[in-house]
Protein backbone atom coordinates (compact mmCIF):
# COMPACT_ATOMS: atom_id res chain seq x y z
CA UNK A 1 -81.19 75.96 63.94
CA UNK A 2 -81.53 72.92 66.21
CA UNK A 3 -83.91 73.84 69.02
CA UNK A 4 -82.87 72.19 72.31
CA UNK A 5 -85.56 70.31 74.22
CA UNK A 6 -85.88 68.48 77.54
CA UNK A 7 -86.38 64.85 76.51
CA UNK A 8 -86.48 63.39 80.01
CA UNK A 9 -85.71 63.94 83.67
CA UNK A 10 -84.88 61.34 86.30
CA UNK A 11 -84.77 61.84 90.05
CA UNK A 12 -83.35 59.34 92.51
CA UNK A 13 -83.05 59.23 96.29
CA UNK A 14 -80.67 56.85 98.05
CA UNK A 15 -81.81 56.34 101.62
CA UNK A 16 -78.58 55.94 103.60
CA UNK A 17 -79.26 56.61 107.31
CA UNK A 18 -76.14 54.72 108.43
CA UNK A 19 -74.04 57.19 106.42
CA UNK A 20 -75.40 60.20 108.34
CA UNK A 21 -72.46 59.87 110.74
CA UNK A 22 -70.16 60.59 107.75
CA UNK A 23 -71.86 63.88 106.87
CA UNK A 24 -69.66 66.91 107.44
CA UNK A 25 -71.59 68.37 110.38
CA UNK A 26 -72.08 65.06 112.28
CA UNK A 27 -68.41 64.12 111.76
CA UNK A 28 -67.24 67.36 113.33
CA UNK A 29 -69.66 67.17 116.25
CA UNK A 30 -68.96 63.50 116.95
CA UNK A 31 -65.23 64.19 117.03
CA UNK A 32 -65.85 66.82 119.71
CA UNK A 33 -68.34 64.70 121.64
CA UNK A 34 -68.68 60.97 120.79
CA UNK A 35 -72.02 60.81 122.62
CA UNK A 36 -73.55 62.79 119.73
CA UNK A 37 -73.66 59.58 117.70
CA UNK A 38 -75.71 57.92 120.46
CA UNK A 39 -78.23 60.76 120.17
CA UNK A 40 -78.31 60.59 116.36
CA UNK A 41 -78.92 56.85 115.96
CA UNK A 42 -82.41 56.69 117.57
CA UNK A 43 -83.60 59.46 115.23
CA UNK A 44 -82.72 57.68 111.99
CA UNK A 45 -85.66 56.61 109.82
CA UNK A 46 -86.44 53.18 108.43
CA UNK A 47 -86.52 52.65 104.68
CA UNK A 48 -90.28 52.20 104.80
CA UNK A 49 -90.65 55.57 106.50
CA UNK A 50 -88.46 57.22 103.87
CA UNK A 51 -90.53 55.77 101.02
CA UNK A 52 -93.80 56.87 102.63
CA UNK A 53 -92.49 60.40 103.35
CA UNK A 54 -94.65 62.68 101.14
CA UNK A 55 -91.90 65.07 99.91
CA UNK A 56 -89.88 62.05 98.77
CA UNK A 57 -92.74 60.85 96.59
CA UNK A 58 -92.90 64.33 95.08
CA UNK A 59 -89.15 64.39 94.46
CA UNK A 60 -89.11 61.15 92.46
CA UNK A 61 -92.23 62.20 90.54
CA UNK A 62 -95.03 60.07 91.94
CA UNK A 63 -96.89 63.07 93.38
CA UNK A 64 -97.23 66.69 92.25
CA UNK A 65 -95.86 69.39 94.60
CA UNK A 66 -99.35 70.80 95.16
CA UNK A 67 -100.43 67.48 96.67
CA UNK A 68 -98.35 68.35 99.76
CA UNK A 69 -100.85 71.08 100.60
CA UNK A 70 -103.51 68.42 101.08
CA UNK A 71 -101.44 66.41 103.58
CA UNK A 72 -101.70 67.61 107.15
CA UNK A 73 -98.31 68.28 108.70
CA UNK A 74 -95.91 67.54 110.08
CA UNK A 75 -95.11 65.45 107.00
CA UNK A 76 -92.78 63.15 108.93
CA UNK A 77 -95.83 61.91 110.83
CA UNK A 78 -97.88 61.43 107.65
CA UNK A 79 -97.77 58.85 104.88
CA UNK A 80 -98.07 59.54 101.18
CA UNK A 81 -101.04 57.73 99.63
CA UNK A 82 -100.00 54.77 97.48
CA UNK A 83 -96.30 55.41 98.11
CA UNK A 84 -94.06 53.46 95.75
CA UNK A 85 -90.32 52.80 95.55
CA UNK A 86 -90.17 53.39 91.79
CA UNK A 87 -91.48 56.19 89.59
CA UNK A 88 -91.50 56.64 85.83
CA UNK A 89 -87.90 57.81 85.84
CA UNK A 90 -86.50 57.26 89.31
CA UNK A 91 -86.66 55.53 92.66
CA UNK A 92 -85.96 55.60 96.38
CA UNK A 93 -83.16 53.08 96.90
CA UNK A 94 -82.54 51.25 100.19
CA UNK A 95 -79.20 51.46 101.92
CA UNK A 96 -78.07 47.86 101.46
CA UNK A 97 -78.62 47.94 97.69
CA UNK A 98 -76.86 51.29 97.45
CA UNK A 99 -73.74 49.75 98.97
CA UNK A 100 -73.88 47.26 96.12
CA UNK A 101 -73.91 50.12 93.60
CA UNK A 102 -71.05 51.69 95.55
CA UNK A 103 -69.03 48.53 94.97
CA UNK A 104 -70.08 48.39 91.30
CA UNK A 105 -68.83 51.97 90.89
CA UNK A 106 -65.46 51.18 92.45
CA UNK A 107 -62.72 50.81 89.81
CA UNK A 108 -59.77 50.47 92.20
CA UNK A 109 -60.95 47.82 94.67
CA UNK A 110 -61.23 50.34 97.50
CA UNK A 111 -64.68 49.19 98.64
CA UNK A 112 -64.90 45.87 100.44
CA UNK A 113 -68.15 44.32 101.72
CA UNK A 114 -68.61 41.44 104.13
CA UNK A 115 -69.24 38.21 102.24
CA UNK A 116 -72.54 37.28 103.90
CA UNK A 117 -73.95 40.78 103.49
CA UNK A 118 -72.77 40.91 99.89
CA UNK A 119 -74.48 37.62 99.10
CA UNK A 120 -77.80 39.06 100.27
CA UNK A 121 -77.23 42.29 98.29
CA UNK A 122 -76.45 40.32 95.12
CA UNK A 123 -79.75 38.52 95.36
CA UNK A 124 -81.62 41.82 95.72
CA UNK A 125 -79.73 43.60 92.95
CA UNK A 126 -80.39 40.76 90.54
CA UNK A 127 -84.05 41.79 90.74
CA UNK A 128 -83.34 45.46 89.99
CA UNK A 129 -84.58 46.61 86.55
CA UNK A 130 -81.36 48.49 85.79
CA UNK A 131 -78.85 45.85 86.79
CA UNK A 132 -76.70 44.09 84.19
CA UNK A 133 -74.77 40.83 84.26
CA UNK A 134 -71.39 42.56 84.35
CA UNK A 135 -72.58 44.62 87.35
CA UNK A 136 -73.06 41.43 89.34
CA UNK A 137 -69.59 40.27 88.30
CA UNK A 138 -68.10 43.55 89.56
CA UNK A 139 -69.50 42.86 93.03
CA UNK A 140 -67.07 40.01 93.59
CA UNK A 141 -67.49 37.65 96.55
CA UNK A 142 -66.76 39.88 99.55
CA UNK A 143 -64.34 39.49 102.44
CA UNK A 144 -64.45 38.29 106.04
CA UNK A 145 -65.61 40.50 108.90
CA UNK A 146 -62.24 39.93 110.57
CA UNK A 147 -60.36 41.43 107.62
CA UNK A 148 -62.71 44.41 107.62
CA UNK A 149 -62.08 45.06 111.30
CA UNK A 150 -58.33 44.71 110.84
CA UNK A 151 -58.25 47.27 108.01
CA UNK A 152 -60.29 49.76 110.00
CA UNK A 153 -58.18 49.29 113.14
CA UNK A 154 -55.09 50.10 111.09
CA UNK A 155 -56.62 53.51 110.37
CA UNK A 156 -56.56 52.92 106.63
CA UNK A 157 -60.29 52.75 105.93
CA UNK A 158 -63.68 54.28 106.69
CA UNK A 159 -66.23 51.79 108.14
CA UNK A 160 -69.58 51.11 106.46
CA UNK A 161 -72.64 50.14 108.51
CA UNK A 162 -76.23 49.06 107.94
CA UNK A 163 -79.14 49.04 110.37
CA UNK A 164 -77.40 51.96 112.12
CA UNK A 165 -74.62 49.96 113.82
CA UNK A 166 -73.94 46.70 111.96
CA UNK A 167 -70.44 46.78 110.43
CA UNK A 168 -70.52 45.33 106.90
CA UNK A 169 -67.58 46.86 105.02
CA UNK A 170 -65.15 49.68 104.47
CA UNK A 171 -63.83 52.20 101.98
CA UNK A 172 -60.04 52.26 101.90
CA UNK A 173 -57.77 55.23 101.34
CA UNK A 174 -56.65 55.67 97.75
CA UNK A 175 -53.11 56.68 98.68
CA UNK A 176 -51.55 56.80 102.13
CA UNK A 177 -49.59 60.00 101.38
CA UNK A 178 -52.40 61.95 99.66
CA UNK A 179 -54.88 63.88 101.81
CA UNK A 180 -57.13 64.22 98.76
CA UNK A 181 -57.54 60.46 98.46
CA UNK A 182 -58.40 59.56 102.06
CA UNK A 183 -61.10 57.00 102.70
CA UNK A 184 -63.70 59.62 103.60
CA UNK A 185 -63.11 61.59 100.40
CA UNK A 186 -63.18 58.40 98.30
CA UNK A 187 -66.45 57.48 100.01
CA UNK A 188 -67.91 60.92 99.29
CA UNK A 189 -66.95 60.77 95.62
CA UNK A 190 -68.09 57.18 95.17
CA UNK A 191 -71.48 58.05 96.71
CA UNK A 192 -71.79 60.79 94.14
CA UNK A 193 -70.77 58.49 91.32
CA UNK A 194 -72.95 55.55 92.33
CA UNK A 195 -76.11 57.63 92.81
CA UNK A 196 -75.38 59.43 89.54
CA UNK A 197 -75.04 56.13 87.69
CA UNK A 198 -78.45 54.99 88.97
CA UNK A 199 -80.08 58.29 87.93
CA UNK A 200 -78.48 58.22 84.49
CA UNK A 201 -79.48 54.63 83.84
CA UNK A 202 -83.05 55.47 84.82
CA UNK A 203 -83.11 58.40 82.41
CA UNK A 204 -81.73 56.37 79.52
CA UNK A 205 -84.15 53.53 80.25
CA UNK A 206 -87.31 55.63 80.61
CA UNK A 207 -87.19 58.31 77.95
CA UNK A 208 -86.24 56.76 74.65
CA UNK A 209 -82.59 57.81 74.43
CA UNK A 210 -80.16 54.90 74.28
CA UNK A 211 -76.69 54.99 75.86
CA UNK A 212 -75.09 54.76 72.43
CA UNK A 213 -76.87 57.92 71.27
CA UNK A 214 -75.39 60.11 74.01
CA UNK A 215 -72.71 62.46 72.66
CA UNK A 216 -71.75 64.41 75.75
CA UNK A 217 -72.29 64.29 79.51
CA UNK A 218 -72.07 67.31 81.84
CA UNK A 219 -71.54 66.75 85.57
CA UNK A 220 -72.96 69.42 87.87
CA UNK A 221 -72.30 68.04 91.32
CA UNK A 222 -70.37 69.59 94.22
CA UNK A 223 -67.63 67.01 94.74
CA UNK A 224 -63.95 67.61 93.97
CA UNK A 225 -62.39 64.62 92.20
CA UNK A 226 -58.62 64.74 92.06
CA UNK A 227 -55.32 64.09 93.80
CA UNK A 228 -52.71 66.20 95.58
CA UNK A 229 -51.50 67.76 92.34
CA UNK A 230 -54.94 68.69 90.98
CA UNK A 231 -57.43 68.62 93.81
CA UNK A 232 -60.52 69.40 91.74
CA UNK A 233 -59.40 67.94 88.43
CA UNK A 234 -62.66 66.04 87.71
CA UNK A 235 -64.21 64.33 85.58
CA UNK A 236 -67.19 62.87 87.39
CA UNK A 237 -69.34 63.10 84.26
CA UNK A 238 -67.19 60.75 82.21
CA UNK A 239 -66.82 58.25 85.05
CA UNK A 240 -70.61 58.04 85.37
CA UNK A 241 -71.09 57.85 81.59
CA UNK A 242 -68.75 54.87 81.45
CA UNK A 243 -70.86 52.81 83.84
CA UNK A 244 -74.05 53.95 82.14
CA UNK A 245 -72.77 52.39 78.91
CA UNK A 246 -72.38 55.62 76.94
CA UNK A 247 -69.50 54.34 74.83
CA UNK A 248 -69.74 57.15 72.23
CA UNK A 249 -69.79 59.99 74.75
CA UNK A 250 -67.24 62.24 76.36
CA UNK A 251 -67.91 64.83 79.02
CA UNK A 252 -66.77 67.30 81.65
CA UNK A 253 -67.86 68.90 84.91
CA UNK A 254 -69.31 72.34 85.60
CA UNK A 255 -68.76 73.81 89.07
CA UNK A 256 -70.68 76.75 90.53
CA UNK A 257 -71.87 75.56 93.93
CA UNK A 258 -75.69 75.18 93.96
CA UNK A 259 -76.03 76.98 90.64
CA UNK A 260 -74.12 74.37 88.62
CA UNK A 261 -77.19 72.48 87.28
CA UNK A 262 -78.58 75.69 85.79
CA UNK A 263 -75.26 76.42 84.07
CA UNK A 264 -75.15 72.83 82.88
CA UNK A 265 -78.65 72.95 81.33
CA UNK A 266 -77.84 76.20 79.52
CA UNK A 267 -74.50 74.91 78.26
CA UNK A 268 -76.08 71.64 77.14
CA UNK A 269 -78.85 73.51 75.33
CA UNK A 270 -76.28 75.76 73.67
CA UNK A 271 -74.26 72.77 72.44
CA UNK A 272 -77.40 71.22 70.96
CA UNK A 273 -78.55 74.47 69.34
CA UNK A 274 -75.12 74.97 67.79
CA UNK A 275 -75.42 71.58 66.12
CA UNK A 276 -72.28 70.24 67.79
CA UNK A 277 -74.10 67.47 69.70
CA UNK A 278 -77.57 65.94 69.40
CA UNK A 279 -77.98 64.16 72.75
CA UNK A 280 -76.56 65.40 76.07
CA UNK A 281 -77.10 64.21 79.63
CA UNK A 282 -76.77 66.61 82.56
CA UNK A 283 -75.95 64.51 85.60
CA UNK A 284 -75.67 65.36 89.29
CA UNK A 285 -75.00 62.73 91.94
CA UNK A 286 -75.72 62.96 95.65
CA UNK A 287 -73.72 64.87 98.25
CA UNK A 288 -72.60 62.81 101.27
CA UNK A 289 -71.20 65.88 103.05
CA UNK A 290 -74.71 67.30 103.51
CA UNK A 291 -76.15 64.27 105.27
CA UNK A 292 -77.31 65.30 108.73
CA UNK A 293 -76.33 68.91 108.06
CA UNK A 294 -79.22 70.25 110.17
CA UNK A 295 -79.55 67.27 112.49
CA UNK A 296 -79.34 69.47 115.63
CA UNK A 297 -82.65 71.15 114.84
CA UNK A 298 -84.29 67.79 114.28
CA UNK A 299 -83.03 66.40 117.58
CA UNK A 300 -84.09 69.56 119.38
CA UNK A 301 -87.63 69.15 118.04
CA UNK A 302 -87.70 65.39 118.69
CA UNK A 303 -88.22 64.53 115.05
CA UNK A 304 -86.44 62.13 112.68
CA UNK A 305 -83.28 63.26 110.91
CA UNK A 306 -84.68 63.90 107.46
CA UNK A 307 -81.29 64.56 105.89
CA UNK A 308 -80.67 60.82 105.73
CA UNK A 309 -80.76 60.55 101.94
CA UNK A 310 -78.83 61.67 98.90
CA UNK A 311 -80.52 63.05 95.80
CA UNK A 312 -79.37 62.47 92.23
CA UNK A 313 -80.59 63.87 88.92
CA UNK A 314 -80.23 63.10 85.22
CA UNK A 315 -81.67 65.45 82.59
CA UNK A 316 -81.75 64.60 78.88
CA UNK A 317 -81.20 67.65 76.67
CA UNK A 318 -81.44 66.91 72.98
CA UNK A 319 -82.32 67.97 69.45
CA UNK A 320 -85.93 68.96 68.88
CA UNK A 321 -88.25 65.96 68.68
CA UNK A 322 -91.37 68.04 68.04
CA UNK A 323 -93.02 67.22 71.38
CA UNK A 324 -90.67 67.81 74.34
CA UNK A 325 -90.53 71.25 76.00
CA UNK A 326 -88.16 73.72 74.35
CA UNK A 327 -85.35 75.49 76.23
CA UNK A 328 -85.49 79.23 75.41
CA UNK A 329 -81.89 80.34 74.97
CA UNK A 330 -83.02 83.87 74.09
CA UNK A 331 -84.27 84.30 77.67
CA UNK A 332 -81.38 83.11 79.80
CA UNK A 333 -80.81 85.18 82.93
CA UNK A 334 -77.36 85.54 84.44
CA UNK A 335 -75.97 87.11 87.58
CA UNK A 336 -73.50 89.59 86.22
CA UNK A 337 -70.51 90.49 88.36
CA UNK A 338 -71.88 94.06 88.51
CA UNK A 339 -75.32 92.94 89.69
CA UNK A 340 -74.64 93.06 93.43
CA UNK A 341 -75.91 90.72 96.11
CA UNK A 342 -79.28 92.10 97.26
CA UNK A 343 -82.32 89.96 96.55
CA UNK A 344 -83.86 92.70 94.41
CA UNK A 345 -80.70 93.05 92.29
CA UNK A 346 -80.39 89.29 91.87
CA UNK A 347 -84.00 88.81 90.76
CA UNK A 348 -83.79 91.79 88.44
CA UNK A 349 -80.88 90.07 86.69
CA UNK A 350 -82.28 86.55 86.75
CA UNK A 351 -85.97 87.22 86.09
CA UNK A 352 -86.94 90.75 85.04
CA UNK A 353 -84.21 91.39 82.45
CA UNK A 354 -84.43 88.06 80.56
CA UNK A 355 -88.24 88.28 80.47
CA UNK A 356 -88.11 91.83 79.18
CA UNK A 357 -85.79 90.65 76.42
CA UNK A 358 -88.54 88.46 74.96
CA UNK A 359 -91.40 90.86 75.67
CA UNK A 360 -92.77 89.13 78.75
CA UNK A 361 -93.44 90.05 82.35
CA UNK A 362 -93.24 88.17 85.63
CA UNK A 363 -96.90 87.09 85.61
CA UNK A 364 -96.51 85.63 82.10
CA UNK A 365 -94.63 82.67 83.54
CA UNK A 366 -96.96 79.91 84.76
CA UNK A 367 -94.61 78.32 87.27
CA UNK A 368 -91.33 79.42 88.88
CA UNK A 369 -88.95 76.88 90.35
CA UNK A 370 -86.55 78.43 92.83
CA UNK A 371 -84.54 76.90 95.69
CA UNK A 372 -86.92 74.07 96.50
CA UNK A 373 -85.64 73.10 99.95
CA UNK A 374 -88.08 71.10 102.04
CA UNK A 375 -89.13 73.49 104.87
CA UNK A 376 -89.50 70.56 107.25
CA UNK A 377 -85.72 70.23 107.05
CA UNK A 378 -84.80 73.90 107.29
CA UNK A 379 -87.33 75.44 109.67
CA UNK A 380 -86.50 73.34 112.77
CA UNK A 381 -82.91 74.55 112.49
CA UNK A 382 -83.92 78.20 112.23
CA UNK A 383 -83.27 78.58 108.50
CA UNK A 384 -86.82 79.44 107.55
CA UNK A 385 -88.93 78.45 104.56
CA UNK A 386 -86.55 79.07 101.66
CA UNK A 387 -88.99 78.68 98.74
CA UNK A 388 -91.59 80.90 100.42
CA UNK A 389 -88.99 83.64 100.95
CA UNK A 390 -87.98 83.48 97.29
CA UNK A 391 -91.57 83.60 96.05
CA UNK A 392 -92.24 86.54 98.33
CA UNK A 393 -89.33 88.40 96.71
CA UNK A 394 -90.61 87.56 93.22
CA UNK A 395 -94.06 88.81 94.16
CA UNK A 396 -92.51 92.04 95.45
CA UNK A 397 -90.71 92.47 92.11
CA UNK A 398 -94.05 92.06 90.34
CA UNK A 399 -95.54 94.72 92.60
CA UNK A 400 -92.66 97.10 91.86
CA UNK A 401 -93.18 96.49 88.15
CA UNK A 402 -96.86 97.40 88.37
CA UNK A 403 -98.00 93.87 87.48
CA UNK A 404 -99.43 92.85 90.83
CA UNK A 405 -101.39 94.63 93.53
CA UNK A 406 -99.65 94.50 96.89
CA UNK A 407 -102.81 93.06 98.43
CA UNK A 408 -102.46 90.00 96.17
CA UNK A 409 -98.85 89.14 97.00
CA UNK A 410 -99.87 86.10 99.03
CA UNK A 411 -101.60 84.65 95.98
CA UNK A 412 -98.39 84.66 93.94
CA UNK A 413 -96.92 81.55 95.56
CA UNK A 414 -100.21 79.69 95.19
CA UNK A 415 -100.48 80.40 91.46
CA UNK A 416 -96.88 80.71 90.29
CA UNK A 417 -94.93 78.78 92.93
CA UNK A 418 -95.05 75.56 94.92
CA UNK A 419 -94.26 74.01 98.29
CA UNK A 420 -90.62 73.02 98.85
CA UNK A 421 -89.98 69.29 98.63
CA UNK A 422 -86.30 68.76 97.85
CA UNK A 423 -83.64 67.27 100.12
CA UNK A 424 -81.09 69.89 101.19
CA UNK A 425 -78.44 68.62 98.80
CA UNK A 426 -77.17 72.00 97.61
CA UNK A 427 -76.97 71.67 93.83
CA UNK A 428 -79.90 69.22 93.83
CA UNK A 429 -82.32 71.63 95.52
CA UNK A 430 -81.62 74.67 93.33
CA UNK A 431 -84.59 74.83 90.94
CA UNK A 432 -83.86 71.55 89.13
CA UNK A 433 -86.21 69.27 91.21
CA UNK A 434 -89.25 70.67 89.36
CA UNK A 435 -87.90 69.72 85.93
CA UNK A 436 -89.68 66.37 85.70
CA UNK A 437 -92.96 67.83 86.89
CA UNK A 438 -92.63 70.85 84.59
CA UNK A 439 -91.94 68.64 81.58
CA UNK A 440 -94.99 66.48 82.29
CA UNK A 441 -97.25 69.45 83.06
CA UNK A 442 -96.28 71.24 79.85
CA UNK A 443 -96.70 68.12 77.72
CA UNK A 444 -100.08 67.40 79.40
CA UNK A 445 -101.30 70.93 78.75
CA UNK A 446 -101.51 71.89 82.43
CA UNK A 447 -99.11 74.82 81.98
CA UNK A 448 -97.43 76.47 79.01
CA UNK A 449 -94.08 77.36 80.51
CA UNK A 450 -91.84 77.31 83.56
CA UNK A 451 -88.85 79.35 84.65
CA UNK A 452 -85.99 77.85 86.63
CA UNK A 453 -84.13 80.30 88.86
CA UNK A 454 -81.01 79.04 90.61
CA UNK A 455 -78.49 80.74 92.88
CA UNK A 456 -75.06 79.77 94.15
CA UNK A 457 -72.85 80.85 97.06
CA UNK A 458 -69.46 81.39 95.47
CA UNK A 459 -68.21 83.17 98.57
CA UNK A 460 -68.09 79.86 100.45
CA UNK A 461 -64.88 79.01 98.62
CA UNK A 462 -63.11 82.10 100.01
CA UNK A 463 -61.98 83.20 96.54
CA UNK A 464 -64.60 85.91 96.00
CA UNK A 465 -67.42 87.59 97.89
CA UNK A 466 -69.71 87.18 94.91
CA UNK A 467 -72.88 85.14 94.62
CA UNK A 468 -73.93 83.42 91.42
CA UNK A 469 -77.18 82.82 89.61
CA UNK A 470 -78.68 81.68 86.33
CA UNK A 471 -82.16 81.20 84.97
CA UNK A 472 -83.82 79.74 81.88
CA UNK A 473 -87.30 79.04 80.56
CA UNK A 474 -88.77 75.87 79.15
CA UNK A 475 -92.02 76.09 77.22
CA UNK A 476 -94.51 74.13 75.17
CA UNK A 477 -93.26 72.66 71.92
CA UNK A 478 -95.55 73.70 69.09
CA UNK A 479 -94.28 70.81 66.99
CA UNK A 480 -92.52 72.79 64.32
CA UNK A 481 -89.33 70.70 64.62
CA UNK A 482 -85.81 71.95 64.04
């Protein structure tokens, strides 16, 4: 049997404050009251502030989650020590360079950038460690500002800005008679693709798996790629794999709202264990729609809009190499249709039952990764501290199981959990942000195992009232091989 292992994990943030106006919530509020944009703009962060923001350094892997406890809040007024743009397997990318990747990812000439701006971006991208000669060729030479303004005034394109208000380009509609190919939807999907390409290239560059070795790619994002005849047809995975140079790969997308990455890891591990494929990449690009989702709470509390960035992930799942953490497929937890929707029922299905299957209990897991939303994003908007609530529920389950004294519930998060640090990007925040840290901590001997517990809100699609959930364990590789 081919044991599946986690060979690498890359995490990328694209800092795009000028795209906040295109997030779903800001778009709707600006349409009702145009002055909302004037209130949003002064609260957008600079790139330097985004790089220095402590949770961002944790997300890309330069700091451990526990380091956030040592930084006095609020975090948006603090600076991470020795903050860096790049990490071992990721980065925080500035807005202007991201627009270059947006153009590189455009196969149908729908993205146009102003010639002077593009010239500056070319120079910067030529210094990027992941850029290739054919990428620079794909950028072209740009167009005049007058032609950009004309296209936008015709109502056939979505404007692109930098520095909050400077017009530098547009994304055109893909088809004038197709509501599924409007400029805003093309922009949303291209943002997902471009950020996913950067994350995948980082993973393939940093962890010893070459593009030619990749057999299969699984997309786990929340975008719907398609046209009027097949609105969610996909395949984001294959489009990203193409630009990442994976010429021997094919792929497909898995959709389950926030829970999709967990499904994708389990499916990838199953394909490896079956012997069908040796090297698989699970990829999830950023979600434009969620930019500025909770901006109202940030404005109310006179703080910067922290949802000014998109997160992207790339996880390498492959055949046992004797050193990388093993994915335990005999301890996968799933949210059965019969499980119900209460927190106790969900955690019984996702945690208690799979652990019991392999003779373990809740306290036998060193670290749990749940919904890792950054509380500094959610609390100002009245949504509470999501990770803390989840760890409290897990601790209560341990008490009910006779493993933990009720008086020690507050210690559970300290020992088995962590502070939330992920951007509120839906699928990105659901357990997966800890993967890079967990892999390193297991391989360094800091912990022996970690359990990833993800949930999804299927009811949002108005097709069912059900929730979703899946969990899995990764643990130390004892070096026995396949």
